[in-house]
Amino acid sequence: MTVAQKYNLYQHIRFNTTVDEARWDDEEKKWKTAVSVSGAKDAEFCPKYTITSDFFVSAVGQLNVPRYPIIEGLDSFKGKTMHSARWDWSYPLEGKRIAIIGT
């Protein structure tokens, strides 16, 4: 059982969404968070909406936008490259020579 299942959190989590703006409304004493839906099927019904809430938790993480290092010759490298923020779990690593760059 995951933490989200244990504490019944999935009902409060928005997947496939991008926060366009989050601002505090002094009059209402509430957060106003404008979001865009990025999942193709979900966006058919309501591509943008605003959530009004008492709390706002930004949990995007520091690697939500991958940044590759500038390495001479990387663009001509013929092997597989991947970023830790976009890991390809389906790629078999057995028998491969692996290099990890960064922290």
PDB file of N, CA and C in Angstrom:
ATOM      1  N   MET A   1       0.855  -1.187   0.000  1.00  0.00           N
ATOM      2  CA  MET A   1       0.000   0.000   0.000  1.00  0.00           C
ATOM      3  C   MET A   1       0.893   1.241   0.000  1.00  0.00           C
ATOM      4  N   THR A   2       0.593   2.176  -0.890  1.00  0.00           N
ATOM      5  CA  THR A   2       1.383   3.405  -0.958  1.00  0.00           C
ATOM      6  C   THR A   2       0.900   4.402   0.097  1.00  0.00           C
ATOM      7  N   VAL A   3       1.694   5.423   0.340  1.00  0.00           N
ATOM      8  CA  VAL A   3       1.317   6.471   1.307  1.00  0.00           C
ATOM      9  C   VAL A   3       0.037   7.156   0.848  1.00  0.00           C
ATOM     10  N   ALA A   4      -0.066   7.433  -0.470  1.00  0.00           N
ATOM     11  CA  ALA A   4      -1.269   8.090  -1.001  1.00  0.00           C
ATOM     12  C   ALA A   4      -2.508   7.227  -0.788  1.00  0.00           C
ATOM     13  N   GLN A   5      -2.376   5.914  -0.926  1.00  0.00           N
ATOM     14  CA  GLN A   5      -3.509   5.014  -0.679  1.00  0.00           C
ATOM     15  C   GLN A   5      -3.849   4.966   0.807  1.00  0.00           C
ATOM     16  N   LYS A   6      -2.826   4.819   1.618  1.00  0.00           N
ATOM     17  CA  LYS A   6      -3.028   4.697   3.065  1.00  0.00           C
ATOM     18  C   LYS A   6      -3.796   5.884   3.642  1.00  0.00           C
ATOM     19  N   TYR A   7      -3.453   7.088   3.182  1.00  0.00           N
ATOM     20  CA  TYR A   7      -4.075   8.302   3.723  1.00  0.00           C
ATOM     21  C   TYR A   7      -5.152   8.883   2.800  1.00  0.00           C
ATOM     22  N   ASN A   8      -5.570   8.100   1.797  1.00  0.00           N
ATOM     23  CA  ASN A   8      -6.654   8.510   0.902  1.00  0.00           C
ATOM     24  C   ASN A   8      -6.382   9.878   0.252  1.00  0.00           C
ATOM     25  N   LEU A   9      -5.181  10.029  -0.288  1.00  0.00           N
ATOM     26  CA  LEU A   9      -4.770  11.316  -0.850  1.00  0.00           C
ATOM     27  C   LEU A   9      -5.061  11.490  -2.332  1.00  0.00           C
ATOM     28  N   TYR A  10      -5.295  10.399  -3.046  1.00  0.00           N
ATOM     29  CA  TYR A  10      -5.484  10.513  -4.497  1.00  0.00           C
ATOM     30  C   TYR A  10      -6.623  11.456  -4.866  1.00  0.00           C
ATOM     31  N   GLN A  11      -7.628  11.559  -4.038  1.00  0.00           N
ATOM     32  CA  GLN A  11      -8.747  12.460  -4.332  1.00  0.00           C
ATOM     33  C   GLN A  11      -8.316  13.934  -4.329  1.00  0.00           C
ATOM     34  N   HIS A  12      -7.159  14.229  -3.725  1.00  0.00           N
ATOM     35  CA  HIS A  12      -6.679  15.606  -3.634  1.00  0.00           C
ATOM     36  C   HIS A  12      -5.531  15.911  -4.597  1.00  0.00           C
ATOM     37  N   ILE A  13      -5.102  14.923  -5.376  1.00  0.00           N
ATOM     38  CA  ILE A  13      -3.958  15.091  -6.276  1.00  0.00           C
ATOM     39  C   ILE A  13      -4.447  15.285  -7.706  1.00  0.00           C
ATOM     40  N   ARG A  14      -3.860  16.253  -8.413  1.00  0.00           N
ATOM     41  CA  ARG A  14      -4.200  16.504  -9.819  1.00  0.00           C
ATOM     42  C   ARG A  14      -3.044  16.003 -10.676  1.00  0.00           C
ATOM     43  N   PHE A  15      -3.296  15.002 -11.499  1.00  0.00           N
ATOM     44  CA  PHE A  15      -2.283  14.487 -12.407  1.00  0.00           C
ATOM     45  C   PHE A  15      -2.478  15.104 -13.788  1.00  0.00           C
ATOM     46  N   ASN A  16      -1.450  15.072 -14.618  1.00  0.00           N
ATOM     47  CA  ASN A  16      -1.502  15.601 -15.988  1.00  0.00           C
ATOM     48  C   ASN A  16      -1.964  17.050 -16.031  1.00  0.00           C
ATOM     49  N   THR A  17      -1.491  17.835 -15.083  1.00  0.00           N
ATOM     50  CA  THR A  17      -1.840  19.257 -15.063  1.00  0.00           C
ATOM     51  C   THR A  17      -0.584  20.105 -14.909  1.00  0.00           C
ATOM     52  N   THR A  18      -0.666  21.317 -15.401  1.00  0.00           N
ATOM     53  CA  THR A  18       0.410  22.295 -15.272  1.00  0.00           C
ATOM     54  C   THR A  18      -0.152  23.507 -14.552  1.00  0.00           C
ATOM     55  N   VAL A  19       0.540  23.979 -13.526  1.00  0.00           N
ATOM     56  CA  VAL A  19       0.115  25.188 -12.825  1.00  0.00           C
ATOM     57  C   VAL A  19       0.563  26.386 -13.654  1.00  0.00           C
ATOM     58  N   ASP A  20      -0.404  27.172 -14.100  1.00  0.00           N
ATOM     59  CA  ASP A  20      -0.103  28.380 -14.864  1.00  0.00           C
ATOM     60  C   ASP A  20       0.138  29.564 -13.939  1.00  0.00           C
ATOM     61  N   GLU A  21      -0.584  29.580 -12.827  1.00  0.00           N
ATOM     62  CA  GLU A  21      -0.450  30.681 -11.867  1.00  0.00           C
ATOM     63  C   GLU A  21      -1.029  30.238 -10.532  1.00  0.00           C
ATOM     64  N   ALA A  22      -0.356  30.625  -9.461  1.00  0.00           N
ATOM     65  CA  ALA A  22      -0.885  30.421  -8.109  1.00  0.00           C
ATOM     66  C   ALA A  22      -0.738  31.749  -7.380  1.00  0.00           C
ATOM     67  N   ARG A  23      -1.846  32.268  -6.892  1.00  0.00           N
ATOM     68  CA  ARG A  23      -1.774  33.559  -6.185  1.00  0.00           C
ATOM     69  C   ARG A  23      -2.696  33.549  -4.978  1.00  0.00           C
ATOM     70  N   TRP A  24      -2.298  34.277  -3.966  1.00  0.00           N
ATOM     71  CA  TRP A  24      -3.069  34.413  -2.739  1.00  0.00           C
ATOM     72  C   TRP A  24      -4.075  35.533  -2.917  1.00  0.00           C
ATOM     73  N   ASP A  25      -5.333  35.284  -2.580  1.00  0.00           N
ATOM     74  CA  ASP A  25      -6.391  36.286  -2.649  1.00  0.00           C
ATOM     75  C   ASP A  25      -6.613  36.815  -1.234  1.00  0.00           C
ATOM     76  N   ASP A  26      -6.184  38.049  -0.997  1.00  0.00           N
ATOM     77  CA  ASP A  26      -6.286  38.642   0.347  1.00  0.00           C
ATOM     78  C   ASP A  26      -7.730  38.800   0.817  1.00  0.00           C
ATOM     79  N   GLU A  27      -8.627  39.136  -0.100  1.00  0.00           N
ATOM     80  CA  GLU A  27     -10.032  39.322   0.283  1.00  0.00           C
ATOM     81  C   GLU A  27     -10.666  38.022   0.758  1.00  0.00           C
ATOM     82  N   GLU A  28     -10.495  36.966  -0.022  1.00  0.00           N
ATOM     83  CA  GLU A  28     -11.105  35.681   0.310  1.00  0.00           C
ATOM     84  C   GLU A  28     -10.269  34.843   1.273  1.00  0.00           C
ATOM     85  N   LYS A  29      -8.998  35.236   1.438  1.00  0.00           N
ATOM     86  CA  LYS A  29      -8.071  34.452   2.270  1.00  0.00           C
ATOM     87  C   LYS A  29      -7.964  33.022   1.736  1.00  0.00           C
ATOM     88  N   LYS A  30      -7.810  32.931   0.411  1.00  0.00           N
ATOM     89  CA  LYS A  30      -7.730  31.642  -0.284  1.00  0.00           C
ATOM     90  C   LYS A  30      -6.670  31.720  -1.376  1.00  0.00           C
ATOM     91  N   TRP A  31      -6.162  30.548  -1.756  1.00  0.00           N
ATOM     92  CA  TRP A  31      -5.285  30.436  -2.908  1.00  0.00           C
ATOM     93  C   TRP A  31      -6.139  30.266  -4.156  1.00  0.00           C
ATOM     94  N   LYS A  32      -5.764  30.934  -5.232  1.00  0.00           N
ATOM     95  CA  LYS A  32      -6.383  30.775  -6.545  1.00  0.00           C
ATOM     96  C   LYS A  32      -5.307  30.205  -7.455  1.00  0.00           C
ATOM     97  N   THR A  33      -5.520  28.985  -7.919  1.00  0.00           N
ATOM     98  CA  THR A  33      -4.517  28.303  -8.729  1.00  0.00           C
ATOM     99  C   THR A  33      -5.103  27.969 -10.090  1.00  0.00           C
ATOM    100  N   ALA A  34      -4.569  28.620 -11.119  1.00  0.00           N
ATOM    101  CA  ALA A  34      -5.007  28.377 -12.496  1.00  0.00           C
ATOM    102  C   ALA A  34      -4.175  27.238 -13.067  1.00  0.00           C
ATOM    103  N   VAL A  35      -4.862  26.228 -13.606  1.00  0.00           N
ATOM    104  CA  VAL A  35      -4.162  25.064 -14.153  1.00  0.00           C
ATOM    105  C   VAL A  35      -4.617  24.767 -15.576  1.00  0.00           C
ATOM    106  N   SER A  36      -3.715  24.123 -16.329  1.00  0.00           N
ATOM    107  CA  SER A  36      -4.021  23.611 -17.671  1.00  0.00           C
ATOM    108  C   SER A  36      -3.871  22.106 -17.625  1.00  0.00           C
ATOM    109  N   VAL A  37      -4.777  21.411 -18.274  1.00  0.00           N
ATOM    110  CA  VAL A  37      -4.726  19.949 -18.328  1.00  0.00           C
ATOM    111  C   VAL A  37      -3.836  19.551 -19.496  1.00  0.00           C
ATOM    112  N   SER A  38      -2.857  18.681 -19.233  1.00  0.00           N
ATOM    113  CA  SER A  38      -1.926  18.302 -20.288  1.00  0.00           C
ATOM    114  C   SER A  38      -2.174  16.895 -20.833  1.00  0.00           C
ATOM    115  N   GLY A  39      -3.007  16.114 -20.208  1.00  0.00           N
ATOM    116  CA  GLY A  39      -3.356  14.790 -20.734  1.00  0.00           C
ATOM    117  C   GLY A  39      -4.356  14.954 -21.861  1.00  0.00           C
ATOM    118  N   ALA A  40      -4.061  14.396 -23.020  1.00  0.00           N
ATOM    119  CA  ALA A  40      -4.885  14.611 -24.218  1.00  0.00           C
ATOM    120  C   ALA A  40      -6.360  14.288 -23.988  1.00  0.00           C
ATOM    121  N   LYS A  41      -6.658  13.136 -23.432  1.00  0.00           N
ATOM    122  CA  LYS A  41      -8.049  12.723 -23.231  1.00  0.00           C
ATOM    123  C   LYS A  41      -8.742  13.623 -22.207  1.00  0.00           C
ATOM    124  N   ASP A  42      -8.054  13.909 -21.090  1.00  0.00           N
ATOM    125  CA  ASP A  42      -8.635  14.757 -20.044  1.00  0.00           C
ATOM    126  C   ASP A  42      -8.898  16.171 -20.539  1.00  0.00           C
ATOM    127  N   ALA A  43      -8.031  16.698 -21.409  1.00  0.00           N
ATOM    128  CA  ALA A  43      -8.155  18.071 -21.884  1.00  0.00           C
ATOM    129  C   ALA A  43      -9.377  18.274 -22.779  1.00  0.00           C
ATOM    130  N   GLU A  44      -9.947  17.195 -23.306  1.00  0.00           N
ATOM    131  CA  GLU A  44     -11.149  17.310 -24.135  1.00  0.00           C
ATOM    132  C   GLU A  44     -12.298  17.956 -23.374  1.00  0.00           C
ATOM    133  N   PHE A  45     -12.397  17.658 -22.095  1.00  0.00           N
ATOM    134  CA  PHE A  45     -13.551  18.081 -21.304  1.00  0.00           C
ATOM    135  C   PHE A  45     -13.373  19.445 -20.663  1.00  0.00           C
ATOM    136  N   CYS A  46     -12.166  19.744 -20.204  1.00  0.00           N
ATOM    137  CA  CYS A  46     -11.931  21.025 -19.544  1.00  0.00           C
ATOM    138  C   CYS A  46     -10.434  21.336 -19.589  1.00  0.00           C
ATOM    139  N   PRO A  47      -9.967  22.022 -20.620  1.00  0.00           N
ATOM    140  CA  PRO A  47      -8.532  22.231 -20.777  1.00  0.00           C
ATOM    141  C   PRO A  47      -7.898  23.177 -19.751  1.00  0.00           C
ATOM    142  N   LYS A  48      -8.702  24.069 -19.149  1.00  0.00           N
ATOM    143  CA  LYS A  48      -8.184  25.006 -18.140  1.00  0.00           C
ATOM    144  C   LYS A  48      -9.249  25.228 -17.070  1.00  0.00           C
ATOM    145  N   TYR A  49      -8.801  25.366 -15.831  1.00  0.00           N
ATOM    146  CA  TYR A  49      -9.730  25.697 -14.751  1.00  0.00           C
ATOM    147  C   TYR A  49      -8.959  26.282 -13.572  1.00  0.00           C
ATOM    148  N   THR A  50      -9.676  26.822 -12.603  1.00  0.00           N
ATOM    149  CA  THR A  50      -9.060  27.423 -11.416  1.00  0.00           C
ATOM    150  C   THR A  50      -9.512  26.681 -10.177  1.00  0.00           C
ATOM    151  N   ILE A  51      -8.548  26.379  -9.311  1.00  0.00           N
ATOM    152  CA  ILE A  51      -8.821  25.704  -8.046  1.00  0.00           C
ATOM    153  C   ILE A  51      -8.732  26.753  -6.944  1.00  0.00           C
ATOM    154  N   THR A  52      -9.716  26.801  -6.061  1.00  0.00           N
ATOM    155  CA  THR A  52      -9.696  27.673  -4.902  1.00  0.00           C
ATOM    156  C   THR A  52      -9.456  26.806  -3.669  1.00  0.00           C
ATOM    157  N   SER A  53      -8.446  27.172  -2.862  1.00  0.00           N
ATOM    158  CA  SER A  53      -8.096  26.319  -1.724  1.00  0.00           C
ATOM    159  C   SER A  53      -7.540  27.113  -0.554  1.00  0.00           C
ATOM    160  N   ASP A  54      -7.541  26.465   0.605  1.00  0.00           N
ATOM    161  CA  ASP A  54      -6.954  27.062   1.810  1.00  0.00           C
ATOM    162  C   ASP A  54      -5.437  26.899   1.829  1.00  0.00           C
ATOM    163  N   PHE A  55      -4.956  25.846   1.185  1.00  0.00           N
ATOM    164  CA  PHE A  55      -3.535  25.532   1.187  1.00  0.00           C
ATOM    165  C   PHE A  55      -3.039  25.345  -0.238  1.00  0.00           C
ATOM    166  N   PHE A  56      -1.756  25.590  -0.425  1.00  0.00           N
ATOM    167  CA  PHE A  56      -1.121  25.357  -1.716  1.00  0.00           C
ATOM    168  C   PHE A  56       0.235  24.710  -1.460  1.00  0.00           C
ATOM    169  N   VAL A  57       0.435  23.519  -1.987  1.00  0.00           N
ATOM    170  CA  VAL A  57       1.705  22.810  -1.829  1.00  0.00           C
ATOM    171  C   VAL A  57       2.326  22.650  -3.207  1.00  0.00           C
ATOM    172  N   SER A  58       3.458  23.266  -3.407  1.00  0.00           N
ATOM    173  CA  SER A  58       4.182  23.104  -4.664  1.00  0.00           C
ATOM    174  C   SER A  58       5.123  21.923  -4.496  1.00  0.00           C
ATOM    175  N   ALA A  59       4.876  20.873  -5.261  1.00  0.00           N
ATOM    176  CA  ALA A  59       5.682  19.653  -5.135  1.00  0.00           C
ATOM    177  C   ALA A  59       6.222  19.215  -6.490  1.00  0.00           C
ATOM    178  N   VAL A  60       6.719  20.178  -7.263  1.00  0.00           N
ATOM    179  CA  VAL A  60       7.201  19.858  -8.600  1.00  0.00           C
ATOM    180  C   VAL A  60       8.568  19.195  -8.576  1.00  0.00           C
ATOM    181  N   GLY A  61       9.332  19.413  -7.534  1.00  0.00           N
ATOM    182  CA  GLY A  61      10.670  18.829  -7.463  1.00  0.00           C
ATOM    183  C   GLY A  61      11.663  19.619  -8.274  1.00  0.00           C
ATOM    184  N   GLN A  62      12.913  19.463  -7.930  1.00  0.00           N
ATOM    185  CA  GLN A  62      13.946  20.259  -8.599  1.00  0.00           C
ATOM    186  C   GLN A  62      14.272  19.767  -9.997  1.00  0.00           C
ATOM    187  N   LEU A  63      13.869  18.546 -10.324  1.00  0.00           N
ATOM    188  CA  LEU A  63      14.196  17.998 -11.637  1.00  0.00           C
ATOM    189  C   LEU A  63      12.984  17.911 -12.557  1.00  0.00           C
ATOM    190  N   ASN A  64      11.992  18.752 -12.335  1.00  0.00           N
ATOM    191  CA  ASN A  64      10.800  18.662 -13.174  1.00  0.00           C
ATOM    192  C   ASN A  64      11.045  19.102 -14.606  1.00  0.00           C
ATOM    193  N   VAL A  65      12.081  19.909 -14.845  1.00  0.00           N
ATOM    194  CA  VAL A  65      12.485  20.285 -16.200  1.00  0.00           C
ATOM    195  C   VAL A  65      13.934  19.836 -16.372  1.00  0.00           C
ATOM    196  N   PRO A  66      14.153  18.732 -17.074  1.00  0.00           N
ATOM    197  CA  PRO A  66      15.509  18.208 -17.205  1.00  0.00           C
ATOM    198  C   PRO A  66      16.447  19.177 -17.918  1.00  0.00           C
ATOM    199  N   ARG A  67      17.677  19.216 -17.456  1.00  0.00           N
ATOM    200  CA  ARG A  67      18.705  20.036 -18.101  1.00  0.00           C
ATOM    201  C   ARG A  67      19.922  19.153 -18.321  1.00  0.00           C
ATOM    202  N   TYR A  68      20.254  18.942 -19.571  1.00  0.00           N
ATOM    203  CA  TYR A  68      21.408  18.127 -19.912  1.00  0.00           C
ATOM    204  C   TYR A  68      22.672  18.982 -19.861  1.00  0.00           C
ATOM    205  N   PRO A  69      23.780  18.400 -19.427  1.00  0.00           N
ATOM    206  CA  PRO A  69      25.041  19.164 -19.412  1.00  0.00           C
ATOM    207  C   PRO A  69      25.537  19.419 -20.831  1.00  0.00           C
ATOM    208  N   ILE A  70      26.327  20.460 -20.985  1.00  0.00           N
ATOM    209  CA  ILE A  70      26.923  20.766 -22.282  1.00  0.00           C
ATOM    210  C   ILE A  70      28.207  19.951 -22.387  1.00  0.00           C
ATOM    211  N   ILE A  71      28.178  18.927 -23.224  1.00  0.00           N
ATOM    212  CA  ILE A  71      29.321  18.033 -23.404  1.00  0.00           C
ATOM    213  C   ILE A  71      29.620  17.956 -24.902  1.00  0.00           C
ATOM    214  N   GLU A  72      30.837  18.300 -25.254  1.00  0.00           N
ATOM    215  CA  GLU A  72      31.225  18.252 -26.658  1.00  0.00           C
ATOM    216  C   GLU A  72      31.046  16.830 -27.189  1.00  0.00           C
ATOM    217  N   GLY A  73      30.379  16.709 -28.319  1.00  0.00           N
ATOM    218  CA  GLY A  73      30.162  15.420 -28.953  1.00  0.00           C
ATOM    219  C   GLY A  73      28.897  14.704 -28.513  1.00  0.00           C
ATOM    220  N   LEU A  74      28.183  15.225 -27.521  1.00  0.00           N
ATOM    221  CA  LEU A  74      26.960  14.565 -27.038  1.00  0.00           C
ATOM    222  C   LEU A  74      25.924  14.424 -28.148  1.00  0.00           C
ATOM    223  N   ASP A  75      25.822  15.423 -29.008  1.00  0.00           N
ATOM    224  CA  ASP A  75      24.827  15.381 -30.084  1.00  0.00           C
ATOM    225  C   ASP A  75      25.123  14.295 -31.122  1.00  0.00           C
ATOM    226  N   SER A  76      26.371  13.835 -31.211  1.00  0.00           N
ATOM    227  CA  SER A  76      26.705  12.776 -32.175  1.00  0.00           C
ATOM    228  C   SER A  76      26.866  11.404 -31.498  1.00  0.00           C
ATOM    229  N   PHE A  77      26.665  11.330 -30.195  1.00  0.00           N
ATOM    230  CA  PHE A  77      26.763  10.063 -29.473  1.00  0.00           C
ATOM    231  C   PHE A  77      25.674   9.110 -29.966  1.00  0.00           C
ATOM    232  N   LYS A  78      26.055   7.890 -30.296  1.00  0.00           N
ATOM    233  CA  LYS A  78      25.121   6.929 -30.893  1.00  0.00           C
ATOM    234  C   LYS A  78      24.384   6.073 -29.854  1.00  0.00           C
ATOM    235  N   GLY A  79      24.842   6.104 -28.623  1.00  0.00           N
ATOM    236  CA  GLY A  79      24.218   5.275 -27.587  1.00  0.00           C
ATOM    237  C   GLY A  79      22.983   5.909 -26.988  1.00  0.00           C
ATOM    238  N   LYS A  80      22.416   5.235 -26.028  1.00  0.00           N
ATOM    239  CA  LYS A  80      21.213   5.708 -25.326  1.00  0.00           C
ATOM    240  C   LYS A  80      21.612   6.758 -24.300  1.00  0.00           C
ATOM    241  N   THR A  81      20.887   7.862 -24.252  1.00  0.00           N
ATOM    242  CA  THR A  81      21.066   8.856 -23.192  1.00  0.00           C
ATOM    243  C   THR A  81      19.718   9.054 -22.511  1.00  0.00           C
ATOM    244  N   MET A  82      19.765   9.292 -21.226  1.00  0.00           N
ATOM    245  CA  MET A  82      18.533   9.591 -20.496  1.00  0.00           C
ATOM    246  C   MET A  82      18.866  10.443 -19.288  1.00  0.00           C
ATOM    247  N   HIS A  83      17.907  11.184 -18.853  1.00  0.00           N
ATOM    248  CA  HIS A  83      18.040  12.071 -17.695  1.00  0.00           C
ATOM    249  C   HIS A  83      17.332  11.421 -16.513  1.00  0.00           C
ATOM    250  N   SER A  84      17.843  11.645 -15.317  1.00  0.00           N
ATOM    251  CA  SER A  84      17.225  11.028 -14.135  1.00  0.00           C
ATOM    252  C   SER A  84      15.776  11.482 -13.936  1.00  0.00           C
ATOM    253  N   ALA A  85      15.417  12.644 -14.461  1.00  0.00           N
ATOM    254  CA  ALA A  85      14.038  13.116 -14.355  1.00  0.00           C
ATOM    255  C   ALA A  85      13.123  12.488 -15.398  1.00  0.00           C
ATOM    256  N   ARG A  86      13.703  11.836 -16.388  1.00  0.00           N
ATOM    257  CA  ARG A  86      12.932  11.181 -17.454  1.00  0.00           C
ATOM    258  C   ARG A  86      13.513   9.787 -17.712  1.00  0.00           C
ATOM    259  N   TRP A  87      13.682   9.038 -16.649  1.00  0.00           N
ATOM    260  CA  TRP A  87      14.324   7.728 -16.740  1.00  0.00           C
ATOM    261  C   TRP A  87      13.475   6.766 -17.558  1.00  0.00           C
ATOM    262  N   ASP A  88      14.130   6.030 -18.446  1.00  0.00           N
ATOM    263  CA  ASP A  88      13.451   5.035 -19.270  1.00  0.00           C
ATOM    264  C   ASP A  88      13.606   3.667 -18.603  1.00  0.00           C
ATOM    265  N   TRP A  89      12.639   3.301 -17.775  1.00  0.00           N
ATOM    266  CA  TRP A  89      12.701   2.051 -17.017  1.00  0.00           C
ATOM    267  C   TRP A  89      12.578   0.829 -17.922  1.00  0.00           C
ATOM    268  N   SER A  90      12.118   1.021 -19.144  1.00  0.00           N
ATOM    269  CA  SER A  90      11.966  -0.115 -20.055  1.00  0.00           C
ATOM    270  C   SER A  90      13.282  -0.472 -20.757  1.00  0.00           C
ATOM    271  N   TYR A  91      14.277   0.389 -20.673  1.00  0.00           N
ATOM    272  CA  TYR A  91      15.543   0.147 -21.358  1.00  0.00           C
ATOM    273  C   TYR A  91      16.389  -0.843 -20.561  1.00  0.00           C
ATOM    274  N   PRO A  92      16.775  -1.986 -21.159  1.00  0.00           N
ATOM    275  CA  PRO A  92      17.564  -2.984 -20.431  1.00  0.00           C
ATOM    276  C   PRO A  92      19.022  -2.535 -20.269  1.00  0.00           C
ATOM    277  N   LEU A  93      19.526  -2.548 -19.050  1.00  0.00           N
ATOM    278  CA  LEU A  93      20.900  -2.121 -18.774  1.00  0.00           C
ATOM    279  C   LEU A  93      21.869  -3.297 -18.704  1.00  0.00           C
ATOM    280  N   GLU A  94      21.355  -4.527 -18.649  1.00  0.00           N
ATOM    281  CA  GLU A  94      22.205  -5.697 -18.533  1.00  0.00           C
ATOM    282  C   GLU A  94      23.173  -5.771 -19.709  1.00  0.00           C
ATOM    283  N   GLY A  95      24.460  -6.009 -19.407  1.00  0.00           N
ATOM    284  CA  GLY A  95      25.475  -6.161 -20.441  1.00  0.00           C
ATOM    285  C   GLY A  95      25.927  -4.860 -21.080  1.00  0.00           C
ATOM    286  N   LYS A  96      25.458  -3.731 -20.598  1.00  0.00           N
ATOM    287  CA  LYS A  96      25.817  -2.433 -21.166  1.00  0.00           C
ATOM    288  C   LYS A  96      26.923  -1.787 -20.321  1.00  0.00           C
ATOM    289  N   ARG A  97      27.723  -0.949 -20.966  1.00  0.00           N
ATOM    290  CA  ARG A  97      28.683  -0.104 -20.246  1.00  0.00           C
ATOM    291  C   ARG A  97      27.966   1.218 -19.971  1.00  0.00           C
ATOM    292  N   ILE A  98      27.906   1.603 -18.708  1.00  0.00           N
ATOM    293  CA  ILE A  98      27.106   2.746 -18.282  1.00  0.00           C
ATOM    294  C   ILE A  98      28.016   3.857 -17.733  1.00  0.00           C
ATOM    295  N   ALA A  99      27.709   5.089 -18.068  1.00  0.00           N
ATOM    296  CA  ALA A  99      28.375   6.256 -17.483  1.00  0.00           C
ATOM    297  C   ALA A  99      27.313   7.144 -16.861  1.00  0.00           C
ATOM    298  N   ILE A 100      27.559   7.580 -15.648  1.00  0.00           N
ATOM    299  CA  ILE A 100      26.632   8.496 -14.965  1.00  0.00           C
ATOM    300  C   ILE A 100      27.373   9.809 -14.753  1.00  0.00           C
ATOM    301  N   ILE A 101      26.761  10.887 -15.211  1.00  0.00           N
ATOM    302  CA  ILE A 101      27.390  12.205 -15.109  1.00  0.00           C
ATOM    303  C   ILE A 101      26.507  13.067 -14.228  1.00  0.00           C
ATOM    304  N   GLY A 102      27.091  13.702 -13.216  1.00  0.00           N
ATOM    305  CA  GLY A 102      26.350  14.604 -12.345  1.00  0.00           C
ATOM    306  C   GLY A 102      26.277  14.079 -10.923  1.00  0.00           C
ATOM    307  N   THR A 103      25.354  14.660 -10.162  1.00  0.00           N
ATOM    308  CA  THR A 103      25.255  14.292  -8.749  1.00  0.00           C
ATOM    309  C   THR A 103      24.240  13.213  -8.518  1.00  0.00           C
TER     310      THR A 103
END
